[in-house]
Amino acid sequence: MEEPVFCDTSLLRVAYRSGGSEDGPPVLLLHGWPDDPTTFADVAPSLQAAGFRTFAPWLRGFGKTSFHSDETMRSGEIAAMAQDALDFADAIGLERFAVVGHDWGARIA
């Protein structure tokens, strides 16, 4: 399995996987609980083959995604996780993007 890449938001160091055409329309893939981005192992290649660029982050509390500070309050609220997704999109330079979610990821989306 490939190693994740990372980006930083104000609260998190986000581990994620990406693939597809660099200039393809971006799609953010949000996993559920207790899953991880491998949830999309069969979906991402199809999206990429159709010309999309996929980004699949590990949500807060999962995998190698971590908080910058031990002092940050931990929350699993959907609103907090939705803000994480928006912060992630900003950190990797996405202005417009589609969102696909599974389980908790669907609620976040």
Protein backbone atom coordinates (compact mmCIF):
# COMPACT_ATOMS: atom_id res chain seq x y z
CA MET A 1 0.00 0.00 0.00
CA GLU A 2 1.33 3.42 -0.92
CA GLU A 3 2.36 5.86 1.78
CA PRO A 4 0.14 8.91 2.27
CA VAL A 5 1.20 12.46 1.50
CA PHE A 6 0.51 15.28 3.95
CA CYS A 7 -0.68 18.86 4.10
CA ASP A 8 -1.22 21.19 7.03
CA THR A 9 -4.32 23.10 8.03
CA SER A 10 -4.58 25.41 11.03
CA LEU A 11 -5.54 22.47 13.30
CA LEU A 12 -4.38 19.31 11.56
CA ARG A 13 -1.59 17.60 9.72
CA VAL A 14 -3.73 15.72 7.20
CA ALA A 15 -2.61 12.46 5.63
CA TYR A 16 -4.20 11.80 2.25
CA ARG A 17 -4.00 9.91 -1.01
CA SER A 18 -4.54 11.47 -4.39
CA GLY A 19 -4.52 10.33 -7.97
CA GLY A 20 -5.69 11.04 -11.46
CA SER A 21 -5.00 13.76 -13.97
CA GLU A 22 -3.38 16.86 -12.45
CA ASP A 23 -5.79 19.06 -14.41
CA GLY A 24 -8.88 16.86 -13.90
CA PRO A 25 -11.90 18.13 -11.99
CA PRO A 26 -11.23 17.50 -8.28
CA VAL A 27 -13.29 15.10 -6.19
CA LEU A 28 -12.92 14.92 -2.41
CA LEU A 29 -13.56 11.39 -1.09
CA LEU A 30 -14.58 11.28 2.59
CA HIS A 31 -14.54 7.92 4.38
CA GLY A 32 -16.78 6.72 7.18
CA TRP A 33 -16.28 5.25 10.62
CA PRO A 34 -14.26 3.19 11.35
CA ASP A 35 -12.91 3.21 7.79
CA ASP A 36 -10.13 5.04 6.00
CA PRO A 37 -9.42 6.11 2.39
CA THR A 38 -9.03 2.49 1.31
CA THR A 39 -12.86 2.48 1.35
CA PHE A 40 -12.53 4.08 -2.08
CA ALA A 41 -9.98 1.58 -3.49
CA ASP A 42 -12.47 0.39 -6.10
CA VAL A 43 -14.12 3.76 -6.75
CA ALA A 44 -11.11 6.07 -7.08
CA PRO A 45 -9.58 4.28 -10.11
CA SER A 46 -12.91 4.53 -11.97
CA LEU A 47 -13.16 8.24 -11.20
CA GLN A 48 -9.55 8.75 -12.26
CA ALA A 49 -10.11 6.81 -15.50
CA ALA A 50 -13.04 9.14 -16.21
CA GLY A 51 -10.66 12.12 -15.94
CA PHE A 52 -11.19 13.19 -12.33
CA ARG A 53 -8.47 14.01 -9.79
CA THR A 54 -9.29 12.33 -6.47
CA PHE A 55 -8.26 13.36 -2.97
CA ALA A 56 -8.98 10.98 -0.07
CA PRO A 57 -7.92 12.30 3.36
CA TRP A 58 -7.86 10.40 6.61
CA LEU A 59 -10.38 12.18 8.82
CA ARG A 60 -9.40 13.51 12.23
CA GLY A 61 -8.65 10.69 14.61
CA PHE A 62 -7.82 8.24 11.82
CA GLY A 63 -4.55 6.99 10.39
CA LYS A 64 -1.67 9.42 10.35
CA THR A 65 -3.84 12.56 10.42
CA SER A 66 -3.00 14.35 13.66
CA PHE A 67 -3.65 17.54 15.57
CA HIS A 68 -0.83 20.09 15.66
CA SER A 69 -1.45 20.79 19.34
CA ASP A 70 -2.28 18.54 22.27
CA GLU A 71 -4.28 21.50 23.60
CA THR A 72 -6.83 21.42 20.74
CA MET A 73 -10.22 20.14 21.87
CA ARG A 74 -11.06 16.80 20.24
CA SER A 75 -14.47 16.69 18.64
CA GLY A 76 -16.20 14.21 16.39
CA GLU A 77 -19.04 16.61 15.58
CA ILE A 78 -20.04 16.63 11.94
CA ALA A 79 -19.67 20.43 11.75
CA ALA A 80 -16.06 20.21 12.98
CA MET A 81 -15.26 17.48 10.49
CA ALA A 82 -16.94 19.41 7.67
CA GLN A 83 -14.73 22.39 8.55
CA ASP A 84 -11.74 20.04 8.42
CA ALA A 85 -12.75 19.06 4.87
CA LEU A 86 -13.01 22.71 3.82
CA ASP A 87 -9.68 23.52 5.49
CA PHE A 88 -8.11 20.54 3.72
CA ALA A 89 -9.45 21.73 0.35
CA ASP A 90 -8.03 25.20 1.02
CA ALA A 91 -4.66 23.74 2.06
CA ILE A 92 -4.27 21.81 -1.19
CA GLY A 93 -5.54 24.71 -3.30
CA LEU A 94 -8.99 23.52 -4.34
CA GLU A 95 -11.46 26.31 -5.07
CA ARG A 96 -14.28 24.18 -6.49
CA PHE A 97 -14.67 20.45 -6.07
CA ALA A 98 -17.19 17.64 -5.90
CA VAL A 99 -17.60 15.61 -2.72
CA VAL A 100 -18.34 11.91 -2.32
CA GLY A 101 -18.89 10.53 1.15
CA HIS A 102 -19.48 7.13 2.71
CA ASP A 103 -21.12 6.64 6.13
CA TRP A 104 -19.87 9.53 8.31
CA GLY A 105 -18.25 10.96 5.20
CA ALA A 106 -21.71 11.26 3.62
CA ARG A 107 -22.93 13.30 6.58
CA ILE A 108 -19.83 15.48 6.38
CA ALA A 109 -20.37 15.96 2.64
